[in-house]
Amino acid sequence: MFKRIQSLLNSLQRQIDPARPYQPAIIPPESITQKVSLIVHNPRVPMMGGKTLRELFGWNDPVALAKAYAQDLHEVSRGYITYDIVEVIEVDGFPTKIDGFTYGADEYYTMWRDRTRPHEPDWADYDQIIREFEIVPKINRGVIDEVWLHGFPQGGYYESRMVGPGAFWCNAPGIDSDQLRRRFVIMGFNFERGVGEMLESFGHRVESIMRHVYRNHPEEANMWSKYVRYEKTHPGLSGVGSVHFSPNSDRDYDWGNQRPVLSCADDWFNYPNLTGKMRPMDCADWGHGDIRAHHRWWLERLPNTIGSQDGIANNWWAYIIDPNLAD
């Protein structure tokens, strides 16, 4: 009851003070917590006195990045998802590639320092990663719910990959497994980069899962396709856009475009009671081209309330966090 009253007060305050971020009078779903295994590949380089790759190249702290990423998702989901990093495994080694190749630390250091051609194929052997870190029994016993891989450039990780019975495309081919009792997602990050790029990886997970959820809905009833509309593809009907395309983008990653367009992006806070209201928007609304600011803006408009329509829950976060619900 308190949450309902507070939400209504927020909505009334918006009418008084239009500078406040829009917060509609909707009822949020019950929050959930997911347990994460954070696996960090950060090899020591013998020829450089045993210093790690991260130390030698001045790359970011993966644990700090992971905590900031988890906090961002907690905030943009309006408190729905809390990620609890229950284990951090730091590995003095490299993931093996799908063709069996494994870098030596000196070899990788020299390659990256001199910018010579990296090994191809780049993709890591996920079956080996799953075996090496005993991920199947951890998932089956409920010790963890999700895995985050964090490493160096050319680590071979996919941005996101689904594993388990009936695993489907999640910005990478699914890994079907009858050894698992449920599906889960392995996220892949690069600690050379920042939280904005981590949110981009998550955003592509969102796109894959929600396309799957709405795969059997005709265009007129496909609310996901309406969410991702932008001016270039749907003149005069722009929604929130996609991960790569803001409402006014002319090309990929064009988040700094100053051209105003009419967009109903803020109306998605009212879902499922959309009003159709639009207003002029440009890059000032989503951070003037900043990757992290744009992705937070995009994610926080994902529907997140109780109830359902056309057989789809009004809380899209439920599917995104738990792909077992996305059938």
C-alpha atoms as a PDB file:
ATOM      1  CA  MET A   1       0.000   0.000   0.000  1.00  0.00           C
ATOM      2  CA  PHE A   2       2.851   2.369   0.846  1.00  0.00           C
ATOM      3  CA  LYS A   3       4.414   1.813  -2.600  1.00  0.00           C
ATOM      4  CA  ARG A   4       1.096   2.626  -4.316  1.00  0.00           C
ATOM      5  CA  ILE A   5       0.670   5.844  -2.339  1.00  0.00           C
ATOM      6  CA  GLN A   6       4.281   6.893  -2.979  1.00  0.00           C
ATOM      7  CA  SER A   7       3.907   6.241  -6.710  1.00  0.00           C
ATOM      8  CA  LEU A   8       0.764   8.362  -6.835  1.00  0.00           C
ATOM      9  CA  LEU A   9       2.519  11.183  -4.981  1.00  0.00           C
ATOM     10  CA  ASN A  10       5.411  11.001  -7.465  1.00  0.00           C
ATOM     11  CA  SER A  11       2.969  11.295 -10.336  1.00  0.00           C
ATOM     12  CA  LEU A  12       1.274  14.341  -8.773  1.00  0.00           C
ATOM     13  CA  GLN A  13       4.653  15.940  -8.088  1.00  0.00           C
ATOM     14  CA  ARG A  14       5.503  15.570 -11.779  1.00  0.00           C
ATOM     15  CA  GLN A  15       2.489  17.711 -12.620  1.00  0.00           C
ATOM     16  CA  ILE A  16       3.742  20.415 -10.262  1.00  0.00           C
ATOM     17  CA  ASP A  17       7.417  20.253 -11.215  1.00  0.00           C
ATOM     18  CA  PRO A  18       7.929  19.253 -14.895  1.00  0.00           C
ATOM     19  CA  ALA A  19      11.710  19.219 -14.423  1.00  0.00           C
ATOM     20  CA  ARG A  20      11.508  16.043 -12.316  1.00  0.00           C
ATOM     21  CA  PRO A  21      12.049  12.701 -14.103  1.00  0.00           C
ATOM     22  CA  TYR A  22       8.726  11.189 -15.052  1.00  0.00           C
ATOM     23  CA  GLN A  23       7.503   8.573 -12.551  1.00  0.00           C
ATOM     24  CA  PRO A  24       4.031   7.211 -13.292  1.00  0.00           C
ATOM     25  CA  ALA A  25       1.510   5.900 -10.809  1.00  0.00           C
ATOM     26  CA  ILE A  26       1.992   2.205 -11.613  1.00  0.00           C
ATOM     27  CA  ILE A  27       2.318  -0.803  -9.341  1.00  0.00           C
ATOM     28  CA  PRO A  28       5.790  -2.372  -9.536  1.00  0.00           C
ATOM     29  CA  PRO A  29       6.300  -6.143  -9.461  1.00  0.00           C
ATOM     30  CA  GLU A  30       7.956  -7.882  -6.550  1.00  0.00           C
ATOM     31  CA  SER A  31      11.749  -7.558  -6.657  1.00  0.00           C
ATOM     32  CA  ILE A  32      14.091 -10.518  -7.153  1.00  0.00           C
ATOM     33  CA  THR A  33      17.739 -11.326  -6.432  1.00  0.00           C
ATOM     34  CA  GLN A  34      20.024 -13.265  -8.790  1.00  0.00           C
ATOM     35  CA  LYS A  35      23.277 -14.854  -7.637  1.00  0.00           C
ATOM     36  CA  VAL A  36      26.265 -14.276  -9.914  1.00  0.00           C
ATOM     37  CA  SER A  37      29.549 -16.080 -10.454  1.00  0.00           C
ATOM     38  CA  LEU A  38      32.114 -13.527 -11.684  1.00  0.00           C
ATOM     39  CA  ILE A  39      34.985 -15.225 -13.524  1.00  0.00           C
ATOM     40  CA  VAL A  40      37.930 -12.951 -14.320  1.00  0.00           C
ATOM     41  CA  HIS A  41      40.688 -13.987 -16.746  1.00  0.00           C
ATOM     42  CA  ASN A  42      43.680 -11.839 -15.807  1.00  0.00           C
ATOM     43  CA  PRO A  43      46.928 -13.741 -16.584  1.00  0.00           C
ATOM     44  CA  ARG A  44      50.346 -12.906 -15.190  1.00  0.00           C
ATOM     45  CA  VAL A  45      53.051 -12.199 -17.767  1.00  0.00           C
ATOM     46  CA  PRO A  46      56.394 -13.914 -16.953  1.00  0.00           C
ATOM     47  CA  MET A  47      58.502 -11.693 -19.224  1.00  0.00           C
ATOM     48  CA  MET A  48      57.199  -8.643 -17.328  1.00  0.00           C
ATOM     49  CA  GLY A  49      58.040  -9.867 -13.845  1.00  0.00           C
ATOM     50  CA  GLY A  50      54.727 -11.631 -13.246  1.00  0.00           C
ATOM     51  CA  LYS A  51      52.569  -8.530 -13.469  1.00  0.00           C
ATOM     52  CA  THR A  52      49.028  -9.110 -14.686  1.00  0.00           C
ATOM     53  CA  LEU A  53      47.741  -7.956 -18.050  1.00  0.00           C
ATOM     54  CA  ARG A  54      45.456  -5.524 -16.260  1.00  0.00           C
ATOM     55  CA  GLU A  55      48.369  -3.965 -14.385  1.00  0.00           C
ATOM     56  CA  LEU A  56      50.573  -3.747 -17.462  1.00  0.00           C
ATOM     57  CA  PHE A  57      47.974  -2.063 -19.687  1.00  0.00           C
ATOM     58  CA  GLY A  58      46.262  -0.011 -16.999  1.00  0.00           C
ATOM     59  CA  TRP A  59      42.871  -1.613 -17.569  1.00  0.00           C
ATOM     60  CA  ASN A  60      39.885  -1.248 -15.238  1.00  0.00           C
ATOM     61  CA  ASP A  61      39.108  -3.167 -12.059  1.00  0.00           C
ATOM     62  CA  PRO A  62      36.589  -5.867 -13.117  1.00  0.00           C
ATOM     63  CA  VAL A  63      35.045  -6.206  -9.664  1.00  0.00           C
ATOM     64  CA  ALA A  64      34.402  -2.457  -9.438  1.00  0.00           C
ATOM     65  CA  LEU A  65      32.939  -2.510 -12.953  1.00  0.00           C
ATOM     66  CA  ALA A  66      30.690  -5.459 -12.103  1.00  0.00           C
ATOM     67  CA  LYS A  67      29.379  -3.746  -8.967  1.00  0.00           C
ATOM     68  CA  ALA A  68      28.650  -0.506 -10.837  1.00  0.00           C
ATOM     69  CA  TYR A  69      26.902  -2.451 -13.617  1.00  0.00           C
ATOM     70  CA  ALA A  70      24.784  -4.335 -11.078  1.00  0.00           C
ATOM     71  CA  GLN A  71      23.841  -1.060  -9.394  1.00  0.00           C
ATOM     72  CA  ASP A  72      22.858   0.514 -12.711  1.00  0.00           C
ATOM     73  CA  LEU A  73      20.568  -2.425 -13.515  1.00  0.00           C
ATOM     74  CA  HIS A  74      19.020  -2.240 -10.049  1.00  0.00           C
ATOM     75  CA  GLU A  75      18.274   1.441 -10.587  1.00  0.00           C
ATOM     76  CA  VAL A  76      16.973   1.315 -14.162  1.00  0.00           C
ATOM     77  CA  SER A  77      14.744  -1.676 -13.339  1.00  0.00           C
ATOM     78  CA  ARG A  78      13.259   0.468 -10.539  1.00  0.00           C
ATOM     79  CA  GLY A  79      14.575  -1.925  -7.928  1.00  0.00           C
ATOM     80  CA  TYR A  80      13.269  -5.080  -9.618  1.00  0.00           C
ATOM     81  CA  ILE A  81      16.625  -6.845 -10.052  1.00  0.00           C
ATOM     82  CA  THR A  82      19.364  -7.072  -7.454  1.00  0.00           C
ATOM     83  CA  TYR A  83      22.473  -8.913  -8.588  1.00  0.00           C
ATOM     84  CA  ASP A  84      24.455 -10.521  -5.776  1.00  0.00           C
ATOM     85  CA  ILE A  85      28.022 -11.440  -6.786  1.00  0.00           C
ATOM     86  CA  VAL A  86      28.442 -14.545  -4.620  1.00  0.00           C
ATOM     87  CA  GLU A  87      31.860 -15.590  -5.936  1.00  0.00           C
ATOM     88  CA  VAL A  88      34.770 -13.970  -7.731  1.00  0.00           C
ATOM     89  CA  ILE A  89      37.161 -16.377  -9.448  1.00  0.00           C
ATOM     90  CA  GLU A  90      40.353 -14.778 -10.780  1.00  0.00           C
ATOM     91  CA  VAL A  91      42.158 -16.952 -13.301  1.00  0.00           C
ATOM     92  CA  ASP A  92      45.858 -16.746 -14.090  1.00  0.00           C
ATOM     93  CA  GLY A  93      45.272 -18.020 -17.595  1.00  0.00           C
ATOM     94  CA  PHE A  94      43.470 -17.682 -20.904  1.00  0.00           C
ATOM     95  CA  PRO A  95      40.230 -19.216 -22.150  1.00  0.00           C
ATOM     96  CA  THR A  96      40.846 -21.781 -24.884  1.00  0.00           C
ATOM     97  CA  LYS A  97      39.560 -20.890 -28.346  1.00  0.00           C
ATOM     98  CA  ILE A  98      37.070 -23.074 -30.216  1.00  0.00           C
ATOM     99  CA  ASP A  99      39.863 -24.505 -32.378  1.00  0.00           C
ATOM    100  CA  GLY A 100      41.857 -25.586 -29.302  1.00  0.00           C
ATOM    101  CA  PHE A 101      44.340 -22.706 -29.351  1.00  0.00           C
ATOM    102  CA  THR A 102      45.341 -21.096 -26.034  1.00  0.00           C
ATOM    103  CA  TYR A 103      47.506 -17.977 -25.757  1.00  0.00           C
ATOM    104  CA  GLY A 104      50.664 -17.945 -23.711  1.00  0.00           C
ATOM    105  CA  ALA A 105      50.887 -14.861 -21.498  1.00  0.00           C
ATOM    106  CA  ASP A 106      54.108 -13.545 -23.077  1.00  0.00           C
ATOM    107  CA  GLU A 107      52.687 -14.216 -26.529  1.00  0.00           C
ATOM    108  CA  TYR A 108      49.476 -12.305 -25.843  1.00  0.00           C
ATOM    109  CA  TYR A 109      51.293  -9.409 -24.186  1.00  0.00           C
ATOM    110  CA  THR A 110      53.593  -8.984 -27.194  1.00  0.00           C
ATOM    111  CA  MET A 111      50.677  -9.257 -29.637  1.00  0.00           C
ATOM    112  CA  TRP A 112      48.618  -6.592 -27.875  1.00  0.00           C
ATOM    113  CA  ARG A 113      51.561  -4.276 -27.196  1.00  0.00           C
ATOM    114  CA  ASP A 114      52.702  -4.377 -30.818  1.00  0.00           C
ATOM    115  CA  ARG A 115      49.166  -4.553 -32.263  1.00  0.00           C
ATOM    116  CA  THR A 116      49.990  -7.553 -34.411  1.00  0.00           C
ATOM    117  CA  ARG A 117      47.277  -9.786 -35.819  1.00  0.00           C
ATOM    118  CA  PRO A 118      45.420 -11.726 -33.087  1.00  0.00           C
ATOM    119  CA  HIS A 119      44.584 -15.396 -33.317  1.00  0.00           C
ATOM    120  CA  GLU A 120      41.548 -16.393 -35.347  1.00  0.00           C
ATOM    121  CA  PRO A 121      38.980 -17.772 -34.730  1.00  0.00           C
ATOM    122  CA  ASP A 122      38.608 -15.561 -31.675  1.00  0.00           C
ATOM    123  CA  TRP A 123      35.620 -17.234 -29.986  1.00  0.00           C
ATOM    124  CA  ALA A 124      36.246 -18.991 -26.697  1.00  0.00           C
ATOM    125  CA  ASP A 125      35.286 -22.628 -26.120  1.00  0.00           C
ATOM    126  CA  TYR A 126      32.215 -22.233 -23.899  1.00  0.00           C
ATOM    127  CA  ASP A 127      31.856 -25.959 -23.315  1.00  0.00           C
ATOM    128  CA  GLN A 128      35.292 -25.970 -21.736  1.00  0.00           C
ATOM    129  CA  ILE A 129      34.522 -22.885 -19.635  1.00  0.00           C
ATOM    130  CA  ILE A 130      31.336 -24.550 -18.372  1.00  0.00           C
ATOM    131  CA  ARG A 131      33.257 -27.700 -17.425  1.00  0.00           C
ATOM    132  CA  GLU A 132      36.284 -25.933 -15.942  1.00  0.00           C
ATOM    133  CA  PHE A 133      34.277 -23.809 -13.535  1.00  0.00           C
ATOM    134  CA  GLU A 134      31.693 -26.494 -12.710  1.00  0.00           C
ATOM    135  CA  ILE A 135      28.889 -24.239 -13.811  1.00  0.00           C
ATOM    136  CA  VAL A 136      26.287 -26.971 -14.441  1.00  0.00           C
ATOM    137  CA  PRO A 137      26.182 -28.300 -10.861  1.00  0.00           C
ATOM    138  CA  LYS A 138      26.238 -24.743  -9.467  1.00  0.00           C
ATOM    139  CA  ILE A 139      23.219 -23.786 -11.582  1.00  0.00           C
ATOM    140  CA  ASN A 140      21.361 -27.026 -10.808  1.00  0.00           C
ATOM    141  CA  ARG A 141      21.907 -26.644  -7.054  1.00  0.00           C
ATOM    142  CA  GLY A 142      20.866 -22.985  -7.105  1.00  0.00           C
ATOM    143  CA  VAL A 143      24.289 -21.803  -5.947  1.00  0.00           C
ATOM    144  CA  ILE A 144      24.331 -19.329  -8.843  1.00  0.00           C
ATOM    145  CA  ASP A 145      21.792 -18.028 -11.354  1.00  0.00           C
ATOM    146  CA  GLU A 146      24.045 -16.307 -13.863  1.00  0.00           C
ATOM    147  CA  VAL A 147      27.700 -16.141 -14.953  1.00  0.00           C
ATOM    148  CA  TRP A 148      29.689 -13.013 -15.847  1.00  0.00           C
ATOM    149  CA  LEU A 149      32.963 -13.492 -17.700  1.00  0.00           C
ATOM    150  CA  HIS A 150      35.352 -10.560 -17.482  1.00  0.00           C
ATOM    151  CA  GLY A 151      38.650 -10.353 -19.316  1.00  0.00           C
ATOM    152  CA  PHE A 152      40.943  -8.661 -21.764  1.00  0.00           C
ATOM    153  CA  PRO A 153      40.466  -7.625 -25.427  1.00  0.00           C
ATOM    154  CA  GLN A 154      40.292 -10.632 -27.776  1.00  0.00           C
ATOM    155  CA  GLY A 155      39.193 -12.794 -24.874  1.00  0.00           C
ATOM    156  CA  GLY A 156      36.705 -14.510 -27.159  1.00  0.00           C
ATOM    157  CA  TYR A 157      33.567 -13.953 -25.095  1.00  0.00           C
ATOM    158  CA  TYR A 158      30.165 -13.322 -26.607  1.00  0.00           C
ATOM    159  CA  GLU A 159      28.346 -10.318 -25.140  1.00  0.00           C
ATOM    160  CA  SER A 160      25.645 -12.681 -23.931  1.00  0.00           C
ATOM    161  CA  ARG A 161      24.931 -16.346 -24.510  1.00  0.00           C
ATOM    162  CA  MET A 162      22.105 -18.547 -23.270  1.00  0.00           C
ATOM    163  CA  VAL A 163      22.722 -22.051 -21.964  1.00  0.00           C
ATOM    164  CA  GLY A 164      20.297 -24.799 -20.972  1.00  0.00           C
ATOM    165  CA  PRO A 165      17.298 -26.807 -22.224  1.00  0.00           C
ATOM    166  CA  GLY A 166      15.750 -25.072 -25.213  1.00  0.00           C
ATOM    167  CA  ALA A 167      18.332 -22.270 -25.170  1.00  0.00           C
ATOM    168  CA  PHE A 168      17.627 -19.794 -27.969  1.00  0.00           C
ATOM    169  CA  TRP A 169      19.554 -16.984 -29.654  1.00  0.00           C
ATOM    170  CA  CYS A 170      20.690 -14.378 -27.119  1.00  0.00           C
ATOM    171  CA  ASN A 171      23.025 -12.267 -29.240  1.00  0.00           C
ATOM    172  CA  ALA A 172      24.865 -15.569 -29.797  1.00  0.00           C
ATOM    173  CA  PRO A 173      23.907 -19.162 -30.610  1.00  0.00           C
ATOM    174  CA  GLY A 174      22.227 -20.940 -27.714  1.00  0.00           C
ATOM    175  CA  ILE A 175      23.899 -23.917 -26.028  1.00  0.00           C
ATOM    176  CA  ASP A 176      21.254 -26.598 -25.516  1.00  0.00           C
ATOM    177  CA  SER A 177      22.008 -28.915 -22.625  1.00  0.00           C
ATOM    178  CA  ASP A 178      20.003 -31.747 -21.086  1.00  0.00           C
ATOM    179  CA  GLN A 179      22.339 -31.704 -18.081  1.00  0.00           C
ATOM    180  CA  LEU A 180      20.811 -28.454 -16.868  1.00  0.00           C
ATOM    181  CA  ARG A 181      17.480 -28.074 -15.140  1.00  0.00           C
ATOM    182  CA  ARG A 182      16.957 -24.534 -16.387  1.00  0.00           C
ATOM    183  CA  ARG A 183      18.261 -21.893 -18.746  1.00  0.00           C
ATOM    184  CA  PHE A 184      20.683 -19.201 -17.704  1.00  0.00           C
ATOM    185  CA  VAL A 185      22.763 -16.499 -19.382  1.00  0.00           C
ATOM    186  CA  ILE A 186      26.529 -16.102 -19.529  1.00  0.00           C
ATOM    187  CA  MET A 187      27.503 -12.454 -19.984  1.00  0.00           C
ATOM    188  CA  GLY A 188      30.879 -11.532 -21.501  1.00  0.00           C
ATOM    189  CA  PHE A 189      32.693  -8.283 -20.679  1.00  0.00           C
ATOM    190  CA  ASN A 190      36.016  -6.603 -21.422  1.00  0.00           C
ATOM    191  CA  PHE A 191      37.718  -4.710 -18.605  1.00  0.00           C
ATOM    192  CA  GLU A 192      39.521  -2.507 -21.109  1.00  0.00           C
ATOM    193  CA  ARG A 193      36.103  -0.866 -21.509  1.00  0.00           C
ATOM    194  CA  GLY A 194      33.581   0.618 -19.079  1.00  0.00           C
ATOM    195  CA  VAL A 195      30.125   0.187 -17.574  1.00  0.00           C
ATOM    196  CA  GLY A 196      28.495   1.726 -20.661  1.00  0.00           C
ATOM    197  CA  GLU A 197      29.775  -1.125 -22.828  1.00  0.00           C
ATOM    198  CA  MET A 198      28.577  -3.640 -20.231  1.00  0.00           C
ATOM    199  CA  LEU A 199      25.099  -2.110 -20.422  1.00  0.00           C
ATOM    200  CA  GLU A 200      25.287  -2.379 -24.196  1.00  0.00           C
ATOM    201  CA  SER A 201      25.923  -6.113 -23.887  1.00  0.00           C
ATOM    202  CA  PHE A 202      22.923  -6.350 -21.572  1.00  0.00           C
ATOM    203  CA  GLY A 203      20.861  -4.286 -24.015  1.00  0.00           C
ATOM    204  CA  HIS A 204      21.516  -6.785 -26.800  1.00  0.00           C
ATOM    205  CA  ARG A 205      20.402  -9.531 -24.416  1.00  0.00           C
ATOM    206  CA  VAL A 206      17.187  -7.556 -23.930  1.00  0.00           C
ATOM    207  CA  GLU A 207      16.675  -7.238 -27.686  1.00  0.00           C
ATOM    208  CA  SER A 208      17.190 -10.959 -28.316  1.00  0.00           C
ATOM    209  CA  ILE A 209      14.926 -12.148 -25.516  1.00  0.00           C
ATOM    210  CA  MET A 210      12.099  -9.713 -26.207  1.00  0.00           C
ATOM    211  CA  ARG A 211      12.136 -10.527 -29.927  1.00  0.00           C
ATOM    212  CA  HIS A 212      11.723 -14.168 -28.883  1.00  0.00           C
ATOM    213  CA  VAL A 213       8.905 -13.336 -26.456  1.00  0.00           C
ATOM    214  CA  TYR A 214       6.943 -11.481 -29.165  1.00  0.00           C
ATOM    215  CA  ARG A 215       7.925 -13.767 -32.032  1.00  0.00           C
ATOM    216  CA  ASN A 216       4.362 -14.997 -32.666  1.00  0.00           C
ATOM    217  CA  HIS A 217       2.624 -11.635 -32.384  1.00  0.00           C
ATOM    218  CA  PRO A 218       1.489  -9.795 -35.535  1.00  0.00           C
ATOM    219  CA  GLU A 219       2.920  -6.342 -36.113  1.00  0.00           C
ATOM    220  CA  GLU A 220      -0.146  -4.490 -34.835  1.00  0.00           C
ATOM    221  CA  ALA A 221       0.016  -6.378 -31.508  1.00  0.00           C
ATOM    222  CA  ASN A 222       3.788  -6.532 -31.208  1.00  0.00           C
ATOM    223  CA  MET A 223       4.571  -4.082 -28.445  1.00  0.00           C
ATOM    224  CA  TRP A 224       8.292  -4.838 -28.593  1.00  0.00           C
ATOM    225  CA  SER A 225       8.487  -3.732 -32.229  1.00  0.00           C
ATOM    226  CA  LYS A 226       6.739  -0.506 -31.219  1.00  0.00           C
ATOM    227  CA  TYR A 227       9.178   0.064 -28.357  1.00  0.00           C
ATOM    228  CA  VAL A 228      12.227  -0.067 -30.649  1.00  0.00           C
ATOM    229  CA  ARG A 229      10.893   2.214 -33.404  1.00  0.00           C
ATOM    230  CA  TYR A 230      12.964   5.256 -34.331  1.00  0.00           C
ATOM    231  CA  GLU A 231      12.462   8.136 -36.726  1.00  0.00           C
ATOM    232  CA  LYS A 232      14.598   6.837 -39.575  1.00  0.00           C
ATOM    233  CA  THR A 233      12.599   3.609 -39.911  1.00  0.00           C
ATOM    234  CA  HIS A 234       9.206   4.896 -38.691  1.00  0.00           C
ATOM    235  CA  PRO A 235       8.871   8.627 -39.497  1.00  0.00           C
ATOM    236  CA  GLY A 236       6.537  10.320 -37.056  1.00  0.00           C
ATOM    237  CA  LEU A 237       6.149   7.142 -34.991  1.00  0.00           C
ATOM    238  CA  SER A 238       9.382   7.036 -33.033  1.00  0.00           C
ATOM    239  CA  GLY A 239       9.396   5.045 -29.822  1.00  0.00           C
ATOM    240  CA  VAL A 240      12.385   4.524 -27.537  1.00  0.00           C
ATOM    241  CA  GLY A 241      14.657   3.228 -30.274  1.00  0.00           C
ATOM    242  CA  SER A 242      17.116   0.370 -29.969  1.00  0.00           C
ATOM    243  CA  VAL A 243      20.455  -0.122 -28.253  1.00  0.00           C
ATOM    244  CA  HIS A 244      22.329   1.247 -31.287  1.00  0.00           C
ATOM    245  CA  PHE A 245      19.725   3.750 -32.502  1.00  0.00           C
ATOM    246  CA  SER A 246      18.248   6.514 -30.352  1.00  0.00           C
ATOM    247  CA  PRO A 247      14.940   8.024 -31.554  1.00  0.00           C
ATOM    248  CA  ASN A 248      16.728  10.484 -33.886  1.00  0.00           C
ATOM    249  CA  SER A 249      19.776   8.429 -34.923  1.00  0.00           C
ATOM    250  CA  ASP A 250      20.841   8.381 -38.560  1.00  0.00           C
ATOM    251  CA  ARG A 251      23.334   5.520 -38.101  1.00  0.00           C
ATOM    252  CA  ASP A 252      24.671   3.017 -35.543  1.00  0.00           C
ATOM    253  CA  TYR A 253      25.873   4.559 -32.263  1.00  0.00           C
ATOM    254  CA  ASP A 254      24.583   7.999 -33.263  1.00  0.00           C
ATOM    255  CA  TRP A 255      23.543   8.849 -29.697  1.00  0.00           C
ATOM    256  CA  GLY A 256      24.834  12.420 -29.911  1.00  0.00           C
ATOM    257  CA  ASN A 257      22.510  13.584 -32.690  1.00  0.00           C
ATOM    258  CA  GLN A 258      21.117  17.055 -31.899  1.00  0.00           C
ATOM    259  CA  ARG A 259      18.271  16.930 -34.428  1.00  0.00           C
ATOM    260  CA  PRO A 260      14.906  17.001 -32.578  1.00  0.00           C
ATOM    261  CA  VAL A 261      12.262  14.432 -33.480  1.00  0.00           C
ATOM    262  CA  LEU A 262       8.866  13.642 -32.045  1.00  0.00           C
ATOM    263  CA  SER A 263       9.001  10.566 -29.815  1.00  0.00           C
ATOM    264  CA  CYS A 264       6.647   8.760 -27.449  1.00  0.00           C
ATOM    265  CA  ALA A 265       9.580   7.416 -25.383  1.00  0.00           C
ATOM    266  CA  ASP A 266       8.315   8.872 -22.099  1.00  0.00           C
ATOM    267  CA  ASP A 267       4.865   7.379 -22.665  1.00  0.00           C
ATOM    268  CA  TRP A 268       6.357   3.928 -22.071  1.00  0.00           C
ATOM    269  CA  PHE A 269       6.501   4.762 -18.364  1.00  0.00           C
ATOM    270  CA  ASN A 270       2.691   4.440 -18.514  1.00  0.00           C
ATOM    271  CA  TYR A 271       2.665   0.924 -19.979  1.00  0.00           C
ATOM    272  CA  PRO A 272       0.282  -0.793 -20.523  1.00  0.00           C
ATOM    273  CA  ASN A 273      -1.868   2.344 -20.474  1.00  0.00           C
ATOM    274  CA  LEU A 274      -0.128   4.135 -23.315  1.00  0.00           C
ATOM    275  CA  THR A 275      -1.591   7.519 -24.199  1.00  0.00           C
ATOM    276  CA  GLY A 276       0.165   8.114 -27.505  1.00  0.00           C
ATOM    277  CA  LYS A 277       1.594  11.382 -26.211  1.00  0.00           C
ATOM    278  CA  MET A 278       4.748  12.533 -27.994  1.00  0.00           C
ATOM    279  CA  ARG A 279       7.176  15.371 -27.533  1.00  0.00           C
ATOM    280  CA  PRO A 280      10.304  16.674 -29.296  1.00  0.00           C
ATOM    281  CA  MET A 281      13.476  14.854 -28.177  1.00  0.00           C
ATOM    282  CA  ASP A 282      17.157  15.016 -29.009  1.00  0.00           C
ATOM    283  CA  CYS A 283      20.447  13.866 -27.510  1.00  0.00           C
ATOM    284  CA  ALA A 284      19.997  16.142 -24.487  1.00  0.00           C
ATOM    285  CA  ASP A 285      17.342  13.693 -23.291  1.00  0.00           C
ATOM    286  CA  TRP A 286      19.685  10.701 -23.188  1.00  0.00           C
ATOM    287  CA  GLY A 287      23.072  12.119 -22.265  1.00  0.00           C
ATOM    288  CA  HIS A 288      24.504  14.027 -25.240  1.00  0.00           C
ATOM    289  CA  GLY A 289      26.059  10.913 -26.767  1.00  0.00           C
ATOM    290  CA  ASP A 290      27.372   9.297 -23.574  1.00  0.00           C
ATOM    291  CA  ILE A 291      27.061   5.522 -23.964  1.00  0.00           C
ATOM    292  CA  ARG A 292      26.226   4.762 -20.339  1.00  0.00           C
ATOM    293  CA  ALA A 293      23.679   7.565 -20.058  1.00  0.00           C
ATOM    294  CA  HIS A 294      21.915   6.515 -23.255  1.00  0.00           C
ATOM    295  CA  HIS A 295      21.702   2.869 -22.278  1.00  0.00           C
ATOM    296  CA  ARG A 296      20.361   3.700 -18.821  1.00  0.00           C
ATOM    297  CA  TRP A 297      17.746   5.958 -20.466  1.00  0.00           C
ATOM    298  CA  TRP A 298      16.786   3.173 -22.873  1.00  0.00           C
ATOM    299  CA  LEU A 299      16.588   0.452 -20.229  1.00  0.00           C
ATOM    300  CA  GLU A 300      14.626   2.425 -17.636  1.00  0.00           C
ATOM    301  CA  ARG A 301      11.678   2.735 -20.038  1.00  0.00           C
ATOM    302  CA  LEU A 302      11.214  -1.041 -20.314  1.00  0.00           C
ATOM    303  CA  PRO A 303       7.758  -1.955 -18.991  1.00  0.00           C
ATOM    304  CA  ASN A 304       7.891  -2.971 -15.345  1.00  0.00           C
ATOM    305  CA  THR A 305       4.477  -3.363 -13.737  1.00  0.00           C
ATOM    306  CA  ILE A 306       2.055  -6.100 -12.741  1.00  0.00           C
ATOM    307  CA  GLY A 307      -0.525  -7.777 -14.976  1.00  0.00           C
ATOM    308  CA  SER A 308      -0.375  -8.932 -18.593  1.00  0.00           C
ATOM    309  CA  GLN A 309      -1.863  -8.360 -22.009  1.00  0.00           C
ATOM    310  CA  ASP A 310      -2.052 -10.602 -25.074  1.00  0.00           C
ATOM    311  CA  GLY A 311      -0.426 -13.359 -23.046  1.00  0.00           C
ATOM    312  CA  ILE A 312       2.710 -11.280 -22.280  1.00  0.00           C
ATOM    313  CA  ALA A 313       3.584 -10.043 -18.811  1.00  0.00           C
ATOM    314  CA  ASN A 314       3.641  -6.277 -18.337  1.00  0.00           C
ATOM    315  CA  ASN A 315       6.954  -6.757 -16.545  1.00  0.00           C
ATOM    316  CA  TRP A 316       9.386  -7.399 -19.405  1.00  0.00           C
ATOM    317  CA  TRP A 317      12.268  -7.567 -16.932  1.00  0.00           C
ATOM    318  CA  ALA A 318      10.980 -10.948 -15.764  1.00  0.00           C
ATOM    319  CA  TYR A 319      11.785 -12.499 -19.157  1.00  0.00           C
ATOM    320  CA  ILE A 320      15.086 -10.653 -19.517  1.00  0.00           C
ATOM    321  CA  ILE A 321      16.404 -11.783 -16.147  1.00  0.00           C
ATOM    322  CA  ASP A 322      14.917 -15.306 -16.206  1.00  0.00           C
ATOM    323  CA  PRO A 323      14.843 -16.707 -19.752  1.00  0.00           C
ATOM    324  CA  ASN A 324      12.981 -19.795 -18.485  1.00  0.00           C
ATOM    325  CA  LEU A 325       9.852 -17.613 -18.546  1.00  0.00           C
ATOM    326  CA  ALA A 326      10.340 -16.712 -22.215  1.00  0.00           C
ATOM    327  CA  ASP A 327       8.536 -19.627 -23.866  1.00  0.00           C
END
